[in-house]
Amino acid sequence: MRTRAALFLCLLAGTAQASPTANEYEPCHKLGAYYLQTCLDRAAGQQQPQCWTEAHTAVDRCYTEVRASHDKGRIEEKRRAAQQR
C-alpha cells in the first residue's frame, strides 16, 4: 500500500509540472511589451518593423525558458522516482 501511495504522489507531482500555466507566461508578455515600447519610443512616429521583430524574439526566448524549466522539473521528478525504487 505504501508503494502505491508513493507512486501516486510521484505521478501527481509529474502531472502538476506537466506544462506551464498561463500566469507563468505573464513575465514574457511584459518583457515583449517592454521591448516594443522602448524601441518605438526611440523613433517615435517612424515605421520601425525591427521593433516588432525584437519584441517577438524576446517573447519566444522567454517562452522557451519557461517550457525548459518545466522539462527540467519533470526530469528531476523522474530521477527521484527511479532512485526510490
C-alpha atoms as a PDB file:
ATOM      1  CA  MET A   1       0.000   0.000   0.000  1.00  0.00           C
ATOM      2  CA  ARG A   2       2.826   2.367   0.837  1.00  0.00           C
ATOM      3  CA  THR A   3       4.437   1.785  -2.573  1.00  0.00           C
ATOM      4  CA  ARG A   4       1.170   2.605  -4.327  1.00  0.00           C
ATOM      5  CA  ALA A   5       0.846   5.845  -2.372  1.00  0.00           C
ATOM      6  CA  ALA A   6       4.429   6.836  -3.242  1.00  0.00           C
ATOM      7  CA  LEU A   7       3.838   6.003  -6.896  1.00  0.00           C
ATOM      8  CA  PHE A   8       0.612   8.017  -6.912  1.00  0.00           C
ATOM      9  CA  LEU A   9       2.355  11.019  -5.377  1.00  0.00           C
ATOM     10  CA  CYS A  10       5.153  10.816  -7.950  1.00  0.00           C
ATOM     11  CA  LEU A  11       2.644  10.652 -10.773  1.00  0.00           C
ATOM     12  CA  LEU A  12       0.683  13.513  -9.286  1.00  0.00           C
ATOM     13  CA  ALA A  13       3.815  15.628  -8.936  1.00  0.00           C
ATOM     14  CA  GLY A  14       4.728  14.860 -12.538  1.00  0.00           C
ATOM     15  CA  THR A  15       1.347  15.963 -13.827  1.00  0.00           C
ATOM     16  CA  ALA A  16       1.407  19.097 -11.716  1.00  0.00           C
ATOM     17  CA  GLN A  17       4.527  20.182 -13.570  1.00  0.00           C
ATOM     18  CA  ALA A  18       3.405  18.869 -16.947  1.00  0.00           C
ATOM     19  CA  SER A  19       3.016  22.208 -18.623  1.00  0.00           C
ATOM     20  CA  PRO A  20       3.319  25.867 -17.756  1.00  0.00           C
ATOM     21  CA  THR A  21       0.226  27.749 -16.726  1.00  0.00           C
ATOM     22  CA  ALA A  22      -0.893  30.997 -18.324  1.00  0.00           C
ATOM     23  CA  ASN A  23       0.327  33.090 -15.395  1.00  0.00           C
ATOM     24  CA  GLU A  24       3.855  31.744 -15.854  1.00  0.00           C
ATOM     25  CA  TYR A  25       3.936  33.392 -19.265  1.00  0.00           C
ATOM     26  CA  GLU A  26       2.924  36.823 -17.923  1.00  0.00           C
ATOM     27  CA  PRO A  27       6.550  37.942 -17.401  1.00  0.00           C
ATOM     28  CA  CYS A  28       7.187  37.017 -21.054  1.00  0.00           C
ATOM     29  CA  HIS A  29       4.307  39.213 -22.167  1.00  0.00           C
ATOM     30  CA  LYS A  30       5.551  42.093 -20.048  1.00  0.00           C
ATOM     31  CA  LEU A  31       9.040  41.639 -21.463  1.00  0.00           C
ATOM     32  CA  GLY A  32       7.713  41.737 -25.029  1.00  0.00           C
ATOM     33  CA  ALA A  33       5.692  44.862 -24.272  1.00  0.00           C
ATOM     34  CA  TYR A  34       8.757  46.497 -22.725  1.00  0.00           C
ATOM     35  CA  TYR A  35      10.927  45.719 -25.766  1.00  0.00           C
ATOM     36  CA  LEU A  36       8.283  47.056 -28.114  1.00  0.00           C
ATOM     37  CA  GLN A  37       7.594  50.205 -26.104  1.00  0.00           C
ATOM     38  CA  THR A  38      11.228  51.193 -25.667  1.00  0.00           C
ATOM     39  CA  CYS A  39      12.059  50.533 -29.305  1.00  0.00           C
ATOM     40  CA  LEU A  40       9.091  52.533 -30.572  1.00  0.00           C
ATOM     41  CA  ASP A  41       9.882  55.377 -28.149  1.00  0.00           C
ATOM     42  CA  ARG A  42      13.394  55.686 -29.601  1.00  0.00           C
ATOM     43  CA  ALA A  43      11.963  56.537 -33.021  1.00  0.00           C
ATOM     44  CA  ALA A  44       8.508  57.957 -32.316  1.00  0.00           C
ATOM     45  CA  GLY A  45       6.316  58.399 -35.378  1.00  0.00           C
ATOM     46  CA  GLN A  46       8.511  56.357 -37.703  1.00  0.00           C
ATOM     47  CA  GLN A  47       7.905  52.908 -39.106  1.00  0.00           C
ATOM     48  CA  GLN A  48      10.037  50.526 -37.066  1.00  0.00           C
ATOM     49  CA  PRO A  49       9.435  46.931 -38.185  1.00  0.00           C
ATOM     50  CA  GLN A  50      12.531  45.755 -36.297  1.00  0.00           C
ATOM     51  CA  CYS A  51      10.771  46.722 -33.055  1.00  0.00           C
ATOM     52  CA  TRP A  52       8.136  44.064 -33.621  1.00  0.00           C
ATOM     53  CA  THR A  53      10.825  41.549 -34.529  1.00  0.00           C
ATOM     54  CA  GLU A  54      12.832  42.316 -31.379  1.00  0.00           C
ATOM     55  CA  ALA A  55       9.737  42.038 -29.186  1.00  0.00           C
ATOM     56  CA  HIS A  56       8.675  38.776 -30.820  1.00  0.00           C
ATOM     57  CA  THR A  57      12.161  37.316 -30.418  1.00  0.00           C
ATOM     58  CA  ALA A  58      12.256  38.288 -26.734  1.00  0.00           C
ATOM     59  CA  VAL A  59       8.872  36.686 -26.091  1.00  0.00           C
ATOM     60  CA  ASP A  60       9.815  33.493 -27.947  1.00  0.00           C
ATOM     61  CA  ARG A  61      13.064  33.228 -25.965  1.00  0.00           C
ATOM     62  CA  CYS A  62      11.163  33.693 -22.709  1.00  0.00           C
ATOM     63  CA  TYR A  63       8.570  31.054 -23.686  1.00  0.00           C
ATOM     64  CA  THR A  64      11.390  28.626 -24.415  1.00  0.00           C
ATOM     65  CA  GLU A  65      12.922  29.259 -20.988  1.00  0.00           C
ATOM     66  CA  VAL A  66       9.588  28.731 -19.227  1.00  0.00           C
ATOM     67  CA  ARG A  67       8.992  25.437 -21.044  1.00  0.00           C
ATOM     68  CA  ALA A  68      12.577  24.321 -20.377  1.00  0.00           C
ATOM     69  CA  SER A  69      12.164  24.953 -16.655  1.00  0.00           C
ATOM     70  CA  HIS A  70       9.169  22.612 -16.650  1.00  0.00           C
ATOM     71  CA  ASP A  71      11.039  19.976 -18.611  1.00  0.00           C
ATOM     72  CA  LYS A  72      13.884  20.155 -16.089  1.00  0.00           C
ATOM     73  CA  GLY A  73      11.369  19.706 -13.258  1.00  0.00           C
ATOM     74  CA  ARG A  74       9.881  16.624 -14.892  1.00  0.00           C
ATOM     75  CA  ILE A  75      13.311  15.081 -15.452  1.00  0.00           C
ATOM     76  CA  GLU A  76      14.227  15.641 -11.801  1.00  0.00           C
ATOM     77  CA  GLU A  77      10.948  14.084 -10.626  1.00  0.00           C
ATOM     78  CA  LYS A  78      11.500  11.008 -12.795  1.00  0.00           C
ATOM     79  CA  ARG A  79      15.056  10.695 -11.488  1.00  0.00           C
ATOM     80  CA  ARG A  80      13.865  10.868  -7.867  1.00  0.00           C
ATOM     81  CA  ALA A  81      11.155   8.299  -8.522  1.00  0.00           C
ATOM     82  CA  ALA A  82      13.678   5.935 -10.105  1.00  0.00           C
ATOM     83  CA  GLN A  83      16.026   6.303  -7.128  1.00  0.00           C
ATOM     84  CA  GLN A  84      13.237   5.416  -4.698  1.00  0.00           C
ATOM     85  CA  ARG A  85      12.608   2.050  -6.368  1.00  0.00           C
END
